[in-house]
Amino acid sequence: MTSFDPEKFEDKYEHYFTELQQAYKQAFDAMSDRHSSDLVHGVDQRVLAESEPFYEGDSQFRIELPDDAIDRLSGEFALSESELQDVYDEYTDEIERQLRSVFDLG
């Protein structure tokens, strides 16, 4: 378990790269249990690869997706834009949970 320092999270890729990889991988695994592998891989490779995690304080994280996240996968899956947004919300919630777990923040 890595000791978490909110100030170090500002330079997260320098201080917490391994922990970020672990949280994203655990979220990927959890989402793979709930959704098709093609969808989860698509989100992972074409959207989350350019996402940005932020520490919000009070043990809370936020995952910022690219502005065109919906467009990147729209039409590729039998999902409406609203359904695709729901998948993104579920996935980012899962990443945030995994980050709290990796850093033992509750």
Protein backbone atom coordinates (compact mmCIF):
# COMPACT_ATOMS: atom_id res chain seq x y z
CA MET A 1 0.00 0.00 0.00
CA THR A 2 1.38 3.37 -0.99
CA SER A 3 1.16 6.32 1.36
CA PHE A 4 -0.85 9.05 -0.37
CA ASP A 5 0.25 12.68 -0.39
CA PRO A 6 -2.24 15.04 -2.10
CA GLU A 7 0.54 17.48 -2.98
CA LYS A 8 2.50 14.76 -4.76
CA PHE A 9 -0.60 13.89 -6.80
CA GLU A 10 -0.09 17.15 -8.69
CA ASP A 11 2.92 15.37 -10.27
CA LYS A 12 1.07 12.06 -10.30
CA TYR A 13 2.96 10.49 -13.20
CA GLU A 14 6.25 11.08 -11.45
CA HIS A 15 5.18 9.93 -7.98
CA TYR A 16 2.27 7.54 -8.52
CA PHE A 17 2.56 6.05 -12.00
CA THR A 18 2.50 2.43 -10.79
CA GLU A 19 -0.51 3.07 -8.55
CA LEU A 20 -2.38 4.77 -11.41
CA GLN A 21 -1.70 1.80 -13.67
CA GLN A 22 -2.92 -0.57 -10.97
CA ALA A 23 -6.16 1.36 -10.41
CA TYR A 24 -6.90 1.62 -14.14
CA LYS A 25 -6.16 -2.11 -14.61
CA GLN A 26 -8.42 -3.10 -11.72
CA ALA A 27 -11.19 -0.89 -13.11
CA PHE A 28 -10.70 -2.50 -16.54
CA ASP A 29 -11.04 -5.95 -14.99
CA ALA A 30 -14.19 -4.97 -13.09
CA MET A 31 -15.78 -3.43 -16.19
CA SER A 32 -14.88 -6.52 -18.24
CA ASP A 33 -17.02 -8.56 -15.86
CA ARG A 34 -20.04 -6.33 -16.61
CA HIS A 35 -19.72 -5.37 -20.30
CA SER A 36 -18.57 -6.79 -23.61
CA SER A 37 -14.82 -7.00 -24.04
CA ASP A 38 -15.02 -5.01 -27.31
CA LEU A 39 -16.76 -2.13 -25.57
CA VAL A 40 -14.41 -2.12 -22.57
CA HIS A 41 -11.34 -2.30 -24.83
CA GLY A 42 -12.70 0.51 -27.02
CA VAL A 43 -13.29 2.78 -24.05
CA ASP A 44 -9.91 1.89 -22.57
CA GLN A 45 -7.87 2.40 -25.72
CA ARG A 46 -9.62 5.33 -27.37
CA VAL A 47 -10.99 7.33 -24.47
CA LEU A 48 -9.32 6.48 -21.17
CA ALA A 49 -5.86 6.49 -22.71
CA GLU A 50 -6.30 10.27 -22.87
CA SER A 51 -8.16 10.72 -19.59
CA GLU A 52 -6.77 12.66 -16.68
CA PRO A 53 -7.23 11.77 -13.01
CA PHE A 54 -7.46 14.58 -10.46
CA TYR A 55 -7.51 14.50 -6.68
CA GLU A 56 -10.44 16.62 -5.46
CA GLY A 57 -9.71 16.43 -1.73
CA ASP A 58 -11.55 14.61 1.05
CA SER A 59 -10.50 11.21 -0.40
CA GLN A 60 -12.26 11.92 -3.70
CA PHE A 61 -10.92 11.64 -7.23
CA ARG A 62 -12.32 12.85 -10.55
CA ILE A 63 -11.55 11.44 -13.99
CA GLU A 64 -11.67 13.94 -16.83
CA LEU A 65 -12.36 12.48 -20.26
CA PRO A 66 -11.46 14.06 -23.61
CA ASP A 67 -14.05 16.55 -24.88
CA ASP A 68 -14.93 14.30 -27.82
CA ALA A 69 -15.27 11.09 -25.79
CA ILE A 70 -18.77 10.28 -27.08
CA ASP A 71 -17.77 10.89 -30.70
CA ARG A 72 -14.82 8.53 -30.40
CA LEU A 73 -17.06 5.47 -30.02
CA SER A 74 -20.42 6.72 -31.27
CA GLY A 75 -21.89 4.42 -33.90
CA GLU A 76 -19.46 1.58 -33.20
CA PHE A 77 -21.65 -0.16 -30.66
CA ALA A 78 -25.38 -0.69 -30.41
CA LEU A 79 -25.59 2.06 -27.81
CA SER A 80 -27.19 5.47 -27.91
CA GLU A 81 -25.10 8.47 -26.88
CA SER A 82 -26.93 8.43 -23.54
CA GLU A 83 -26.14 4.74 -23.00
CA LEU A 84 -22.51 5.32 -23.96
CA GLN A 85 -22.35 8.20 -21.47
CA ASP A 86 -23.73 5.85 -18.82
CA VAL A 87 -20.88 3.40 -19.57
CA TYR A 88 -18.34 6.24 -19.29
CA ASP A 89 -19.87 7.32 -15.98
CA GLU A 90 -19.79 3.76 -14.65
CA TYR A 91 -16.18 3.30 -15.80
CA THR A 92 -14.93 6.57 -14.32
CA ASP A 93 -16.77 5.81 -11.06
CA GLU A 94 -14.99 2.45 -10.99
CA ILE A 95 -11.59 4.08 -11.60
CA GLU A 96 -12.27 6.53 -8.80
CA ARG A 97 -13.18 3.63 -6.47
CA GLN A 98 -10.02 1.79 -7.45
CA LEU A 99 -7.89 4.88 -6.83
CA ARG A 100 -9.36 5.21 -3.33
CA SER A 101 -8.63 1.53 -2.77
CA VAL A 102 -5.06 1.65 -4.10
CA PHE A 103 -4.29 4.63 -1.88
CA ASP A 104 -6.28 3.19 1.07
CA LEU A 105 -8.53 6.23 1.26
CA GLY A 106 -11.73 4.41 2.09
